[in-house]
Every structure is written in structure tokens, then in C-alpha cells.
Amino acid sequence: MDYAKSKAIKADKNRPPHAEHNAKGTTKNPFGQQRPKAELIARMKAAVEAKKANKEN
């Protein structure tokens, strides 16, 4: 029997087996969204300034 000609459906190879129930940014996990980049840069600048202040003292 030639199985190639039986028109069997091939499974997707690069697809995850299921969707995560707690994926970031969904209704079940709204707090998993990333913070704005400006907030991150502000925190990094504050950390550098605090480190400079500690070195001077």
C-alpha cells in the first residue's frame, strides 16, 4: 500500500501542542504585560546615579 497517496493530513511540526492557559497579556494574566521601555531606562539611570553617589562617599 502506498501511504503517501492516502491523503493523510500531516501534523504541523513547528506548532506548540497547546496554548498556554496563563500566557502573558491574556485575560487570565493581564499583569504579565511588559512595562514601558521608558520606565526601564529611568530605573537604570537612577541605579547608575545611586552607584556614583556611593562611590563618592
Protein backbone atom coordinates (compact mmCIF):
# COMPACT_ATOMS: atom_id res chain seq x y z
CA MET A 1 0.00 0.00 0.00
CA ASP A 2 1.27 3.46 -0.88
CA TYR A 3 0.68 5.56 2.24
CA ALA A 4 1.79 8.77 0.50
CA LYS A 5 -1.24 8.64 -1.76
CA SER A 6 -3.76 8.04 1.02
CA LYS A 7 -4.14 11.83 1.53
CA ALA A 8 -3.37 11.70 5.23
CA ILE A 9 -3.07 15.12 6.86
CA LYS A 10 0.41 15.96 8.09
CA ALA A 11 0.68 17.48 11.54
CA ASP A 12 2.19 20.95 11.94
CA LYS A 13 5.76 20.48 13.08
CA ASN A 14 6.51 23.98 14.42
CA ARG A 15 3.27 24.45 16.33
CA PRO A 16 3.15 24.08 20.12
CA PRO A 17 0.94 21.20 21.26
CA HIS A 18 -1.42 23.54 23.12
CA ALA A 19 -1.95 27.19 24.02
CA GLU A 20 -0.75 28.19 27.47
CA HIS A 21 -3.59 28.88 29.87
CA ASN A 22 -1.67 31.66 31.59
CA ALA A 23 0.13 33.30 28.68
CA LYS A 24 1.34 36.85 29.27
CA GLY A 25 -1.10 39.58 28.33
CA THR A 26 -4.20 37.40 28.19
CA THR A 27 -7.37 37.98 30.16
CA LYS A 28 -6.29 35.42 32.74
CA ASN A 29 -2.88 37.06 33.22
CA PRO A 30 -3.26 40.77 32.48
CA PHE A 31 -0.37 41.70 34.77
CA GLY A 32 2.14 39.80 32.67
CA GLN A 33 2.41 42.60 30.13
CA GLN A 34 5.79 44.22 29.74
CA ARG A 35 6.41 47.62 31.26
CA PRO A 36 7.17 50.57 29.02
CA LYS A 37 10.79 50.91 27.95
CA ALA A 38 10.99 54.49 29.28
CA GLU A 39 10.32 53.19 32.79
CA LEU A 40 13.15 50.68 32.45
CA ILE A 41 15.60 53.33 31.27
CA ALA A 42 14.60 55.63 34.14
CA ARG A 43 15.26 52.85 36.67
CA MET A 44 18.64 52.09 35.09
CA LYS A 45 19.67 55.78 35.21
CA ALA A 46 18.60 56.01 38.85
CA ALA A 47 20.69 52.94 39.69
CA VAL A 48 23.77 54.47 37.99
CA GLU A 49 23.31 57.74 39.88
CA ALA A 50 22.96 55.86 43.19
CA LYS A 51 26.11 53.89 42.45
CA LYS A 52 28.04 57.10 41.64
CA ALA A 53 26.84 58.67 44.90
CA ASN A 54 28.05 55.66 46.89
CA LYS A 55 31.49 55.74 45.24
CA GLU A 56 31.99 59.44 46.06
CA ASN A 57 31.25 58.94 49.77
